[in-house]
C-alpha atoms as a PDB file:
ATOM      1  CA  UNK A   1      70.941  97.559 100.805  1.00  0.00           C
ATOM      2  CA  UNK A   2      69.275  94.198 100.275  1.00  0.00           C
ATOM      3  CA  UNK A   3      70.489  91.443 102.559  1.00  0.00           C
ATOM      4  CA  UNK A   4      73.189  89.515 100.716  1.00  0.00           C
ATOM      5  CA  UNK A   5      76.153  87.572 102.128  1.00  0.00           C
ATOM      6  CA  UNK A   6      79.418  89.379 102.641  1.00  0.00           C
ATOM      7  CA  UNK A   7      82.660  88.043 101.215  1.00  0.00           C
ATOM      8  CA  UNK A   8      83.687  86.953 104.718  1.00  0.00           C
ATOM      9  CA  UNK A   9      80.416  85.065 105.218  1.00  0.00           C
ATOM     10  CA  UNK A  10      80.700  83.399 101.824  1.00  0.00           C
ATOM     11  CA  UNK A  11      84.253  82.243 102.517  1.00  0.00           C
ATOM     12  CA  UNK A  12      83.400  81.128 106.043  1.00  0.00           C
ATOM     13  CA  UNK A  13      80.812  78.740 104.630  1.00  0.00           C
ATOM     14  CA  UNK A  14      83.207  77.520 101.944  1.00  0.00           C
ATOM     15  CA  UNK A  15      86.056  76.968 104.405  1.00  0.00           C
ATOM     16  CA  UNK A  16      84.192  74.409 106.510  1.00  0.00           C
ATOM     17  CA  UNK A  17      86.669  71.820 105.331  1.00  0.00           C
ATOM     18  CA  UNK A  18      90.422  71.239 105.439  1.00  0.00           C
ATOM     19  CA  UNK A  19      92.551  73.605 107.511  1.00  0.00           C
ATOM     20  CA  UNK A  20      94.157  74.738 104.272  1.00  0.00           C
ATOM     21  CA  UNK A  21      90.835  76.216 103.195  1.00  0.00           C
ATOM     22  CA  UNK A  22      90.701  78.378 106.314  1.00  0.00           C
ATOM     23  CA  UNK A  23      94.153  79.733 105.474  1.00  0.00           C
ATOM     24  CA  UNK A  24      93.003  80.544 101.942  1.00  0.00           C
ATOM     25  CA  UNK A  25      89.872  82.261 103.267  1.00  0.00           C
ATOM     26  CA  UNK A  26      91.874  84.387 105.714  1.00  0.00           C
ATOM     27  CA  UNK A  27      94.283  85.415 102.955  1.00  0.00           C
ATOM     28  CA  UNK A  28      91.549  86.354 100.479  1.00  0.00           C
ATOM     29  CA  UNK A  29      89.718  88.389 103.128  1.00  0.00           C
ATOM     30  CA  UNK A  30      92.945  90.268 103.882  1.00  0.00           C
ATOM     31  CA  UNK A  31      93.443  90.971 100.170  1.00  0.00           C
ATOM     32  CA  UNK A  32      89.879  92.241  99.837  1.00  0.00           C
ATOM     33  CA  UNK A  33      90.326  94.574 102.805  1.00  0.00           C
ATOM     34  CA  UNK A  34      93.377  96.144 101.149  1.00  0.00           C
ATOM     35  CA  UNK A  35      91.504  96.417  97.841  1.00  0.00           C
ATOM     36  CA  UNK A  36      88.767  98.374  99.598  1.00  0.00           C
ATOM     37  CA  UNK A  37      91.441 100.798 100.829  1.00  0.00           C
ATOM     38  CA  UNK A  38      93.001 101.048  97.358  1.00  0.00           C
ATOM     39  CA  UNK A  39      89.536 101.820  95.988  1.00  0.00           C
ATOM     40  CA  UNK A  40      89.225 104.703  98.422  1.00  0.00           C
ATOM     41  CA  UNK A  41      92.673 105.989  97.438  1.00  0.00           C
ATOM     42  CA  UNK A  42      91.870 105.849  93.715  1.00  0.00           C
ATOM     43  CA  UNK A  43      88.487 107.445  94.309  1.00  0.00           C
ATOM     44  CA  UNK A  44      90.212 110.496  95.794  1.00  0.00           C
ATOM     45  CA  UNK A  45      91.865 111.127  92.432  1.00  0.00           C
ATOM     46  CA  UNK A  46      94.077 114.204  92.294  1.00  0.00           C
ATOM     47  CA  UNK A  47      93.190 114.953  95.924  1.00  0.00           C
ATOM     48  CA  UNK A  48      95.434 111.997  96.861  1.00  0.00           C
ATOM     49  CA  UNK A  49      98.413 113.398  94.931  1.00  0.00           C
ATOM     50  CA  UNK A  50      99.929 112.661  91.536  1.00  0.00           C
ATOM     51  CA  UNK A  51      98.892 109.016  91.388  1.00  0.00           C
ATOM     52  CA  UNK A  52      99.721 108.754  87.679  1.00  0.00           C
ATOM     53  CA  UNK A  53     103.194 110.238  87.990  1.00  0.00           C
ATOM     54  CA  UNK A  54     106.055 108.051  86.738  1.00  0.00           C
ATOM     55  CA  UNK A  55     108.674 107.185  89.338  1.00  0.00           C
ATOM     56  CA  UNK A  56     112.192 108.271  88.338  1.00  0.00           C
ATOM     57  CA  UNK A  57     114.050 105.363  86.805  1.00  0.00           C
ATOM     58  CA  UNK A  58     110.992 103.113  86.611  1.00  0.00           C
ATOM     59  CA  UNK A  59     111.225  99.478  87.691  1.00  0.00           C
ATOM     60  CA  UNK A  60     114.150  97.266  86.880  1.00  0.00           C
ATOM     61  CA  UNK A  61     111.966  94.535  85.352  1.00  0.00           C
ATOM     62  CA  UNK A  62     110.465  96.491  82.482  1.00  0.00           C
ATOM     63  CA  UNK A  63     107.399  98.708  82.289  1.00  0.00           C
ATOM     64  CA  UNK A  64     107.329 102.256  83.712  1.00  0.00           C
ATOM     65  CA  UNK A  65     106.451 102.453  87.385  1.00  0.00           C
ATOM     66  CA  UNK A  66     103.661 104.775  88.502  1.00  0.00           C
ATOM     67  CA  UNK A  67     103.200 106.387  91.907  1.00  0.00           C
ATOM     68  CA  UNK A  68      99.952 104.458  92.381  1.00  0.00           C
ATOM     69  CA  UNK A  69     101.640 101.125  91.543  1.00  0.00           C
ATOM     70  CA  UNK A  70     104.095 101.663  94.379  1.00  0.00           C
ATOM     71  CA  UNK A  71     101.480 102.795  96.875  1.00  0.00           C
ATOM     72  CA  UNK A  72      99.177  99.880  96.057  1.00  0.00           C
ATOM     73  CA  UNK A  73     102.106  97.444  96.338  1.00  0.00           C
ATOM     74  CA  UNK A  74     103.083  98.786  99.750  1.00  0.00           C
ATOM     75  CA  UNK A  75      99.481  98.586 100.986  1.00  0.00           C
ATOM     76  CA  UNK A  76      99.194  94.954  99.894  1.00  0.00           C
ATOM     77  CA  UNK A  77     102.474  93.977 101.552  1.00  0.00           C
ATOM     78  CA  UNK A  78     101.368  95.496 104.850  1.00  0.00           C
ATOM     79  CA  UNK A  79      97.868  94.050 104.550  1.00  0.00           C
ATOM     80  CA  UNK A  80      99.207  90.506 104.177  1.00  0.00           C
ATOM     81  CA  UNK A  81     101.447  90.643 107.231  1.00  0.00           C
ATOM     82  CA  UNK A  82      99.972  88.455 109.941  1.00  0.00           C
ATOM     83  CA  UNK A  83      98.249  86.176 107.422  1.00  0.00           C
ATOM     84  CA  UNK A  84      99.319  82.595 106.603  1.00  0.00           C
ATOM     85  CA  UNK A  85     101.376  83.831 103.643  1.00  0.00           C
ATOM     86  CA  UNK A  86     104.994  82.735 103.454  1.00  0.00           C
ATOM     87  CA  UNK A  87     106.023  85.105 100.668  1.00  0.00           C
ATOM     88  CA  UNK A  88     104.664  87.648  98.228  1.00  0.00           C
ATOM     89  CA  UNK A  89     105.733  88.092  94.597  1.00  0.00           C
ATOM     90  CA  UNK A  90     104.831  91.373  92.939  1.00  0.00           C
ATOM     91  CA  UNK A  91     105.181  92.986  89.545  1.00  0.00           C
ATOM     92  CA  UNK A  92     106.788  95.884  91.396  1.00  0.00           C
ATOM     93  CA  UNK A  93     109.673  93.849  92.841  1.00  0.00           C
ATOM     94  CA  UNK A  94     112.382  91.742  91.194  1.00  0.00           C
ATOM     95  CA  UNK A  95     112.402  89.153  93.993  1.00  0.00           C
ATOM     96  CA  UNK A  96     109.709  87.828  96.375  1.00  0.00           C
ATOM     97  CA  UNK A  97     109.267  89.339  99.829  1.00  0.00           C
ATOM     98  CA  UNK A  98     109.270  86.979 102.801  1.00  0.00           C
ATOM     99  CA  UNK A  99     106.326  87.544 105.147  1.00  0.00           C
ATOM    100  CA  UNK A 100     106.040  84.480 107.413  1.00  0.00           C
ATOM    101  CA  UNK A 101     108.518  81.614 106.893  1.00  0.00           C
ATOM    102  CA  UNK A 102     105.977  79.258 108.505  1.00  0.00           C
ATOM    103  CA  UNK A 103     103.189  80.379 106.194  1.00  0.00           C
ATOM    104  CA  UNK A 104     101.218  77.842 104.181  1.00  0.00           C
ATOM    105  CA  UNK A 105     100.595  79.984 101.121  1.00  0.00           C
ATOM    106  CA  UNK A 106     102.237  82.111  98.451  1.00  0.00           C
ATOM    107  CA  UNK A 107     100.605  85.186  96.895  1.00  0.00           C
ATOM    108  CA  UNK A 108     101.519  86.705  93.525  1.00  0.00           C
ATOM    109  CA  UNK A 109     100.087  90.126  92.663  1.00  0.00           C
ATOM    110  CA  UNK A 110      99.858  92.789  90.029  1.00  0.00           C
ATOM    111  CA  UNK A 111      99.090  95.650  92.436  1.00  0.00           C
ATOM    112  CA  UNK A 112      97.688  98.016  89.815  1.00  0.00           C
ATOM    113  CA  UNK A 113      96.863  96.678  86.361  1.00  0.00           C
ATOM    114  CA  UNK A 114      96.149  99.361  83.743  1.00  0.00           C
ATOM    115  CA  UNK A 115      97.851 102.130  85.701  1.00  0.00           C
ATOM    116  CA  UNK A 116      98.676 104.002  82.480  1.00  0.00           C
ATOM    117  CA  UNK A 117      94.971 104.928  82.494  1.00  0.00           C
ATOM    118  CA  UNK A 118      94.915 106.549  85.914  1.00  0.00           C
ATOM    119  CA  UNK A 119      95.019 110.140  84.709  1.00  0.00           C
ATOM    120  CA  UNK A 120      92.172 109.508  82.237  1.00  0.00           C
ATOM    121  CA  UNK A 121      89.828 108.047  84.895  1.00  0.00           C
ATOM    122  CA  UNK A 122      89.553 104.636  83.207  1.00  0.00           C
ATOM    123  CA  UNK A 123      88.936 101.491  85.267  1.00  0.00           C
ATOM    124  CA  UNK A 124      92.050  99.813  86.688  1.00  0.00           C
ATOM    125  CA  UNK A 125      92.477  96.849  89.004  1.00  0.00           C
ATOM    126  CA  UNK A 126      94.459  94.578  91.300  1.00  0.00           C
ATOM    127  CA  UNK A 127      95.100  90.958  90.248  1.00  0.00           C
ATOM    128  CA  UNK A 128      96.107  88.174  92.632  1.00  0.00           C
ATOM    129  CA  UNK A 129      96.986  84.488  92.594  1.00  0.00           C
ATOM    130  CA  UNK A 130      97.258  82.234  95.653  1.00  0.00           C
ATOM    131  CA  UNK A 131      99.364  79.055  95.644  1.00  0.00           C
ATOM    132  CA  UNK A 132     100.365  76.528  98.269  1.00  0.00           C
ATOM    133  CA  UNK A 133     103.892  76.990  99.584  1.00  0.00           C
ATOM    134  CA  UNK A 134     106.203  74.035  98.869  1.00  0.00           C
ATOM    135  CA  UNK A 135     106.983  71.638 101.693  1.00  0.00           C
ATOM    136  CA  UNK A 136     110.685  71.590 100.857  1.00  0.00           C
ATOM    137  CA  UNK A 137     113.198  74.344 100.155  1.00  0.00           C
ATOM    138  CA  UNK A 138     112.859  78.043 100.841  1.00  0.00           C
ATOM    139  CA  UNK A 139     109.306  79.308 100.621  1.00  0.00           C
ATOM    140  CA  UNK A 140     110.448  82.825  99.781  1.00  0.00           C
ATOM    141  CA  UNK A 141     112.653  81.979  96.776  1.00  0.00           C
ATOM    142  CA  UNK A 142     111.412  82.788  93.288  1.00  0.00           C
ATOM    143  CA  UNK A 143     111.502  79.057  92.483  1.00  0.00           C
ATOM    144  CA  UNK A 144     108.690  78.452  94.979  1.00  0.00           C
ATOM    145  CA  UNK A 145     106.359  80.452  92.716  1.00  0.00           C
ATOM    146  CA  UNK A 146     107.195  78.491  89.559  1.00  0.00           C
ATOM    147  CA  UNK A 147     104.026  76.433  89.635  1.00  0.00           C
ATOM    148  CA  UNK A 148     101.551  75.997  86.764  1.00  0.00           C
ATOM    149  CA  UNK A 149      98.295  77.890  87.129  1.00  0.00           C
ATOM    150  CA  UNK A 150      96.366  74.648  87.569  1.00  0.00           C
ATOM    151  CA  UNK A 151      97.804  74.518  91.102  1.00  0.00           C
ATOM    152  CA  UNK A 152      96.218  77.794  92.215  1.00  0.00           C
ATOM    153  CA  UNK A 153      93.990  77.587  95.290  1.00  0.00           C
ATOM    154  CA  UNK A 154      92.462  81.060  94.825  1.00  0.00           C
ATOM    155  CA  UNK A 155      92.608  83.749  92.184  1.00  0.00           C
ATOM    156  CA  UNK A 156      90.844  86.982  91.500  1.00  0.00           C
ATOM    157  CA  UNK A 157      90.928  90.690  90.905  1.00  0.00           C
ATOM    158  CA  UNK A 158      89.463  93.921  92.168  1.00  0.00           C
ATOM    159  CA  UNK A 159      88.279  96.406  89.572  1.00  0.00           C
ATOM    160  CA  UNK A 160      88.113 100.067  90.534  1.00  0.00           C
ATOM    161  CA  UNK A 161      85.524 101.771  88.356  1.00  0.00           C
ATOM    162  CA  UNK A 162      82.059 103.314  88.817  1.00  0.00           C
ATOM    163  CA  UNK A 163      81.603 100.452  91.266  1.00  0.00           C
ATOM    164  CA  UNK A 164      84.393  98.506  92.919  1.00  0.00           C
ATOM    165  CA  UNK A 165      83.996  94.762  92.393  1.00  0.00           C
ATOM    166  CA  UNK A 166      86.014  91.876  93.807  1.00  0.00           C
ATOM    167  CA  UNK A 167      85.907  88.863  91.483  1.00  0.00           C
ATOM    168  CA  UNK A 168      86.989  85.545  92.987  1.00  0.00           C
ATOM    169  CA  UNK A 169      87.370  81.848  92.359  1.00  0.00           C
ATOM    170  CA  UNK A 170      88.498  79.214  94.835  1.00  0.00           C
ATOM    171  CA  UNK A 171      87.774  76.422  92.363  1.00  0.00           C
ATOM    172  CA  UNK A 172      84.002  76.415  92.859  1.00  0.00           C
ATOM    173  CA  UNK A 173      82.868  78.830  90.165  1.00  0.00           C
ATOM    174  CA  UNK A 174      83.538  82.524  89.618  1.00  0.00           C
ATOM    175  CA  UNK A 175      81.692  84.949  91.889  1.00  0.00           C
ATOM    176  CA  UNK A 176      81.400  88.748  92.002  1.00  0.00           C
ATOM    177  CA  UNK A 177      81.323  90.810  95.187  1.00  0.00           C
ATOM    178  CA  UNK A 178      80.493  94.526  95.119  1.00  0.00           C
ATOM    179  CA  UNK A 179      81.937  97.042  97.559  1.00  0.00           C
ATOM    180  CA  UNK A 180      79.543  98.843  99.898  1.00  0.00           C
ATOM    181  CA  UNK A 181      81.586 102.012 100.280  1.00  0.00           C
ATOM    182  CA  UNK A 182      79.701 103.080 103.411  1.00  0.00           C
ATOM    183  CA  UNK A 183      80.968 100.049 105.342  1.00  0.00           C
ATOM    184  CA  UNK A 184      84.042  99.099 103.233  1.00  0.00           C
ATOM    185  CA  UNK A 185      82.500  95.618 102.921  1.00  0.00           C
ATOM    186  CA  UNK A 186      82.196  93.422  99.846  1.00  0.00           C
ATOM    187  CA  UNK A 187      78.808  91.735  99.284  1.00  0.00           C
ATOM    188  CA  UNK A 188      78.013  88.830  96.972  1.00  0.00           C
ATOM    189  CA  UNK A 189      76.130  90.190  93.951  1.00  0.00           C
ATOM    190  CA  UNK A 190      76.643  87.534  91.240  1.00  0.00           C
ATOM    191  CA  UNK A 191      77.181  83.798  91.714  1.00  0.00           C
ATOM    192  CA  UNK A 192      78.533  81.319  89.190  1.00  0.00           C
ATOM    193  CA  UNK A 193      79.116  83.858  86.447  1.00  0.00           C
ATOM    194  CA  UNK A 194      78.894  82.282  83.003  1.00  0.00           C
ATOM    195  CA  UNK A 195      80.780  83.402  79.883  1.00  0.00           C
ATOM    196  CA  UNK A 196      78.632  82.734  76.790  1.00  0.00           C
ATOM    197  CA  UNK A 197      80.373  80.167  74.538  1.00  0.00           C
ATOM    198  CA  UNK A 198      80.026  82.337  71.408  1.00  0.00           C
ATOM    199  CA  UNK A 199      80.475  86.055  70.886  1.00  0.00           C
ATOM    200  CA  UNK A 200      80.373  88.929  68.395  1.00  0.00           C
ATOM    201  CA  UNK A 201      82.832  91.107  70.300  1.00  0.00           C
ATOM    202  CA  UNK A 202      86.626  91.058  70.425  1.00  0.00           C
ATOM    203  CA  UNK A 203      89.293  93.198  72.097  1.00  0.00           C
ATOM    204  CA  UNK A 204      92.774  93.787  70.698  1.00  0.00           C
ATOM    205  CA  UNK A 205      95.164  96.682  70.156  1.00  0.00           C
ATOM    206  CA  UNK A 206      94.626  97.016  66.407  1.00  0.00           C
ATOM    207  CA  UNK A 207      97.498  99.504  66.021  1.00  0.00           C
ATOM    208  CA  UNK A 208      99.847  96.496  66.069  1.00  0.00           C
ATOM    209  CA  UNK A 209      98.136  94.779  63.112  1.00  0.00           C
ATOM    210  CA  UNK A 210     101.261  94.909  60.925  1.00  0.00           C
ATOM    211  CA  UNK A 211     103.287  93.020  63.556  1.00  0.00           C
ATOM    212  CA  UNK A 212     100.888  90.123  64.198  1.00  0.00           C
ATOM    213  CA  UNK A 213     101.447  86.526  63.187  1.00  0.00           C
ATOM    214  CA  UNK A 214      99.160  85.203  60.460  1.00  0.00           C
ATOM    215  CA  UNK A 215      96.624  83.386  62.714  1.00  0.00           C
ATOM    216  CA  UNK A 216      95.850  86.558  64.669  1.00  0.00           C
ATOM    217  CA  UNK A 217      95.722  88.688  61.539  1.00  0.00           C
ATOM    218  CA  UNK A 218      93.396  86.256  59.750  1.00  0.00           C
ATOM    219  CA  UNK A 219      91.081  86.023  62.758  1.00  0.00           C
ATOM    220  CA  UNK A 220      90.779  89.800  63.231  1.00  0.00           C
ATOM    221  CA  UNK A 221      90.458  90.512  59.507  1.00  0.00           C
ATOM    222  CA  UNK A 222      87.628  87.983  59.248  1.00  0.00           C
ATOM    223  CA  UNK A 223      85.839  89.611  62.182  1.00  0.00           C
ATOM    224  CA  UNK A 224      86.219  93.045  60.592  1.00  0.00           C
ATOM    225  CA  UNK A 225      84.685  91.824  57.317  1.00  0.00           C
ATOM    226  CA  UNK A 226      81.454  91.364  59.244  1.00  0.00           C
ATOM    227  CA  UNK A 227      78.326  89.851  57.772  1.00  0.00           C
ATOM    228  CA  UNK A 228      79.827  89.972  54.285  1.00  0.00           C
ATOM    229  CA  UNK A 229      82.936  88.042  55.371  1.00  0.00           C
ATOM    230  CA  UNK A 230      83.648  84.379  56.159  1.00  0.00           C
ATOM    231  CA  UNK A 231      82.191  84.644  59.677  1.00  0.00           C
ATOM    232  CA  UNK A 232      78.836  85.788  58.304  1.00  0.00           C
ATOM    233  CA  UNK A 233      78.147  88.123  61.225  1.00  0.00           C
ATOM    234  CA  UNK A 234      79.053  91.622  62.373  1.00  0.00           C
ATOM    235  CA  UNK A 235      81.564  91.972  65.218  1.00  0.00           C
ATOM    236  CA  UNK A 236      82.261  94.859  67.575  1.00  0.00           C
ATOM    237  CA  UNK A 237      85.845  95.722  68.570  1.00  0.00           C
ATOM    238  CA  UNK A 238      86.861  97.007  72.015  1.00  0.00           C
ATOM    239  CA  UNK A 239      90.182  98.043  73.544  1.00  0.00           C
ATOM    240  CA  UNK A 240      90.608  99.637  76.997  1.00  0.00           C
ATOM    241  CA  UNK A 241      94.327  98.954  77.674  1.00  0.00           C
ATOM    242  CA  UNK A 242      93.382  97.667  81.124  1.00  0.00           C
ATOM    243  CA  UNK A 243      93.233  93.869  81.196  1.00  0.00           C
ATOM    244  CA  UNK A 244      91.129  93.806  84.348  1.00  0.00           C
ATOM    245  CA  UNK A 245      88.527  95.984  82.655  1.00  0.00           C
ATOM    246  CA  UNK A 246      88.616  93.738  79.579  1.00  0.00           C
ATOM    247  CA  UNK A 247      88.216  90.607  81.732  1.00  0.00           C
ATOM    248  CA  UNK A 248      85.314  92.154  83.612  1.00  0.00           C
ATOM    249  CA  UNK A 249      83.520  92.920  80.357  1.00  0.00           C
ATOM    250  CA  UNK A 250      84.074  89.347  79.141  1.00  0.00           C
ATOM    251  CA  UNK A 251      82.717  87.951  82.407  1.00  0.00           C
ATOM    252  CA  UNK A 252      79.751  90.325  82.241  1.00  0.00           C
ATOM    253  CA  UNK A 253      78.637  89.744  78.649  1.00  0.00           C
ATOM    254  CA  UNK A 254      81.072  87.485  76.814  1.00  0.00           C
ATOM    255  CA  UNK A 255      83.687  88.295  74.199  1.00  0.00           C
ATOM    256  CA  UNK A 256      87.301  87.453  73.526  1.00  0.00           C
ATOM    257  CA  UNK A 257      90.455  89.303  74.543  1.00  0.00           C
ATOM    258  CA  UNK A 258      93.672  88.976  72.559  1.00  0.00           C
ATOM    259  CA  UNK A 259      97.144  89.942  73.773  1.00  0.00           C
ATOM    260  CA  UNK A 260      99.332  87.993  71.342  1.00  0.00           C
ATOM    261  CA  UNK A 261     103.058  87.911  70.860  1.00  0.00           C
ATOM    262  CA  UNK A 262     104.287  89.658  67.723  1.00  0.00           C
ATOM    263  CA  UNK A 263     107.474  90.363  65.767  1.00  0.00           C
ATOM    264  CA  UNK A 264     108.516  93.533  67.638  1.00  0.00           C
ATOM    265  CA  UNK A 265     111.607  93.388  69.831  1.00  0.00           C
ATOM    266  CA  UNK A 266     110.559  92.308  73.311  1.00  0.00           C
ATOM    267  CA  UNK A 267     107.069  91.215  72.245  1.00  0.00           C
ATOM    268  CA  UNK A 268     107.757  87.776  70.735  1.00  0.00           C
ATOM    269  CA  UNK A 269     106.714  86.083  73.988  1.00  0.00           C
ATOM    270  CA  UNK A 270     103.844  88.484  74.649  1.00  0.00           C
ATOM    271  CA  UNK A 271     103.621  91.359  77.115  1.00  0.00           C
ATOM    272  CA  UNK A 272     101.586  90.004  80.011  1.00  0.00           C
ATOM    273  CA  UNK A 273     103.171  88.274  82.998  1.00  0.00           C
ATOM    274  CA  UNK A 274     102.346  84.595  83.310  1.00  0.00           C
ATOM    275  CA  UNK A 275     102.304  84.150  87.085  1.00  0.00           C
ATOM    276  CA  UNK A 276     100.483  87.213  88.373  1.00  0.00           C
ATOM    277  CA  UNK A 277      98.427  88.269  85.370  1.00  0.00           C
ATOM    278  CA  UNK A 278      97.712  85.437  82.923  1.00  0.00           C
ATOM    279  CA  UNK A 279      97.147  82.477  85.247  1.00  0.00           C
ATOM    280  CA  UNK A 280      94.739  84.139  87.708  1.00  0.00           C
ATOM    281  CA  UNK A 281      92.647  85.627  84.893  1.00  0.00           C
ATOM    282  CA  UNK A 282      92.724  82.299  83.037  1.00  0.00           C
ATOM    283  CA  UNK A 283      91.380  80.412  86.053  1.00  0.00           C
ATOM    284  CA  UNK A 284      88.608  82.950  86.616  1.00  0.00           C
ATOM    285  CA  UNK A 285      87.573  82.662  82.966  1.00  0.00           C
ATOM    286  CA  UNK A 286      87.695  78.850  82.967  1.00  0.00           C
ATOM    287  CA  UNK A 287      85.683  78.668  86.171  1.00  0.00           C
ATOM    288  CA  UNK A 288      83.052  80.770  84.377  1.00  0.00           C
ATOM    289  CA  UNK A 289      82.873  78.349  81.455  1.00  0.00           C
ATOM    290  CA  UNK A 290      85.269  80.218  79.166  1.00  0.00           C
ATOM    291  CA  UNK A 291      88.753  79.326  77.950  1.00  0.00           C
ATOM    292  CA  UNK A 292      92.256  80.811  78.097  1.00  0.00           C
ATOM    293  CA  UNK A 293      95.147  79.904  75.824  1.00  0.00           C
ATOM    294  CA  UNK A 294      98.487  80.999  74.443  1.00  0.00           C
ATOM    295  CA  UNK A 295      97.165  80.108  71.004  1.00  0.00           C
ATOM    296  CA  UNK A 296      99.016  76.799  71.267  1.00  0.00           C
ATOM    297  CA  UNK A 297      98.151  75.475  74.699  1.00  0.00           C
ATOM    298  CA  UNK A 298      96.015  76.016  77.792  1.00  0.00           C
ATOM    299  CA  UNK A 299      97.419  78.789  79.982  1.00  0.00           C
ATOM    300  CA  UNK A 300      96.886  76.837  83.218  1.00  0.00           C
ATOM    301  CA  UNK A 301      99.110  74.000  81.954  1.00  0.00           C
ATOM    302  CA  UNK A 302     102.128  76.219  81.246  1.00  0.00           C
ATOM    303  CA  UNK A 303     105.092  75.513  83.533  1.00  0.00           C
ATOM    304  CA  UNK A 304     106.657  78.875  84.487  1.00  0.00           C
ATOM    305  CA  UNK A 305     110.391  79.223  83.857  1.00  0.00           C
ATOM    306  CA  UNK A 306     110.940  82.514  85.679  1.00  0.00           C
ATOM    307  CA  UNK A 307     109.090  84.785  88.093  1.00  0.00           C
ATOM    308  CA  UNK A 308     108.439  87.604  85.619  1.00  0.00           C
ATOM    309  CA  UNK A 309     107.990  85.466  82.507  1.00  0.00           C
ATOM    310  CA  UNK A 310     105.845  87.016  79.777  1.00  0.00           C
ATOM    311  CA  UNK A 311     103.346  85.087  77.681  1.00  0.00           C
ATOM    312  CA  UNK A 312     100.730  85.575  74.939  1.00  0.00           C
ATOM    313  CA  UNK A 313      97.182  85.468  76.335  1.00  0.00           C
ATOM    314  CA  UNK A 314      93.871  84.829  74.567  1.00  0.00           C
ATOM    315  CA  UNK A 315      90.781  84.412  76.751  1.00  0.00           C
ATOM    316  CA  UNK A 316      87.027  84.571  76.663  1.00  0.00           C
ATOM    317  CA  UNK A 317      84.178  82.763  74.951  1.00  0.00           C
ATOM    318  CA  UNK A 318      85.080  79.097  74.631  1.00  0.00           C
ATOM    319  CA  UNK A 319      84.292  78.602  70.940  1.00  0.00           C
ATOM    320  CA  UNK A 320      86.235  81.687  69.851  1.00  0.00           C
ATOM    321  CA  UNK A 321      89.343  80.642  71.804  1.00  0.00           C
ATOM    322  CA  UNK A 322      89.065  77.157  70.274  1.00  0.00           C
ATOM    323  CA  UNK A 323      88.886  78.721  66.809  1.00  0.00           C
ATOM    324  CA  UNK A 324      92.049  80.730  67.433  1.00  0.00           C
ATOM    325  CA  UNK A 325      93.820  77.652  68.759  1.00  0.00           C
ATOM    326  CA  UNK A 326      92.964  75.835  65.523  1.00  0.00           C
ATOM    327  CA  UNK A 327      94.289  78.753  63.495  1.00  0.00           C
ATOM    328  CA  UNK A 328      97.593  78.546  65.403  1.00  0.00           C
ATOM    329  CA  UNK A 329      97.951  74.769  65.316  1.00  0.00           C
ATOM    330  CA  UNK A 330      96.805  74.172  61.735  1.00  0.00           C
ATOM    331  CA  UNK A 331      99.497  75.200  59.206  1.00  0.00           C
ATOM    332  CA  UNK A 332      96.652  76.189  56.853  1.00  0.00           C
ATOM    333  CA  UNK A 333      94.023  77.802  59.115  1.00  0.00           C
ATOM    334  CA  UNK A 334      92.345  79.290  56.083  1.00  0.00           C
ATOM    335  CA  UNK A 335      90.903  75.802  55.447  1.00  0.00           C
ATOM    336  CA  UNK A 336      87.876  76.267  57.682  1.00  0.00           C
ATOM    337  CA  UNK A 337      86.904  79.538  55.987  1.00  0.00           C
ATOM    338  CA  UNK A 338      84.706  79.877  52.915  1.00  0.00           C
ATOM    339  CA  UNK A 339      86.544  79.206  49.597  1.00  0.00           C
ATOM    340  CA  UNK A 340      85.607  82.769  48.610  1.00  0.00           C
ATOM    341  CA  UNK A 341      88.017  84.017  51.260  1.00  0.00           C
ATOM    342  CA  UNK A 342      91.084  81.875  50.526  1.00  0.00           C
ATOM    343  CA  UNK A 343      94.612  83.242  50.412  1.00  0.00           C
ATOM    344  CA  UNK A 344      94.590  83.865  46.670  1.00  0.00           C
ATOM    345  CA  UNK A 345      91.528  86.110  46.706  1.00  0.00           C
ATOM    346  CA  UNK A 346      88.348  85.964  44.657  1.00  0.00           C
ATOM    347  CA  UNK A 347      89.642  87.677  41.487  1.00  0.00           C
ATOM    348  CA  UNK A 348      93.160  86.246  41.256  1.00  0.00           C
ATOM    349  CA  UNK A 349      94.127  83.446  38.930  1.00  0.00           C
END
């Protein structure tokens, strides 16, 4: 292997500053170590047991709970003990878990994003967000985590696929580290990743087309019309049903990902969790020159109201996100399209 810095070396250089930075570095290194172990577990596939099996009863907060979700959660809890983390919030638990009441930091995690894909051998991942613990009040209460994403001090994900990558921002760009499986060590392989501002690729679950609000429907329909439509170019559509995999593709080659709210029961406010899914991904994308929005406002400015709050999420190439924001905020988004593609249609009176 060519000589490239390890994650620990990269963070050691970065942390030559305030004591708080050293605490962040220690926490991120601990998270990466657990992610390397989760990668090994996932790599064993069926040899590690029925990782895709649904746990009886599921989780109390919503989506079905898989065996691998629980195992990954438990590994992360244990891996963060002894770090400067006061409390951990997880998609797998209704309330935060106290780790060290004197800890300086809070960590919010989605232990296994995309776990519905486990049995089909599709890439899945772990998402994390690191915040400063409040100076007043209990550091292990849910209220301590109700901070807008702009206050994050570190965010990232691990993606478990053909290679295992650990993607990180500490507010100084978005960087990619690749796992050397022989040593269980992450090495820096891409610095200051940049999301192209424009794209010809979008990702959305098109089976929900009939439930979308008009701005989303107009945007997707225009993309599907291709070179003959108002956009004047052909678009490709992607959908993996693993947000980490979608984010990794956007960071690798651009694109836009759409997980909007829609009119179905339980989907009006979107399906993704604000604190441990939307905000960490949004910060990674912004630090790479992209954008992330609800369609109405910047994700990182949203003030959380509850620990497991759901939210619509649109992220990716900056100009495409800006276009979708205009479609949501303008009562007549059709205005910036060609007159040939107005609401009334070309052949109607």
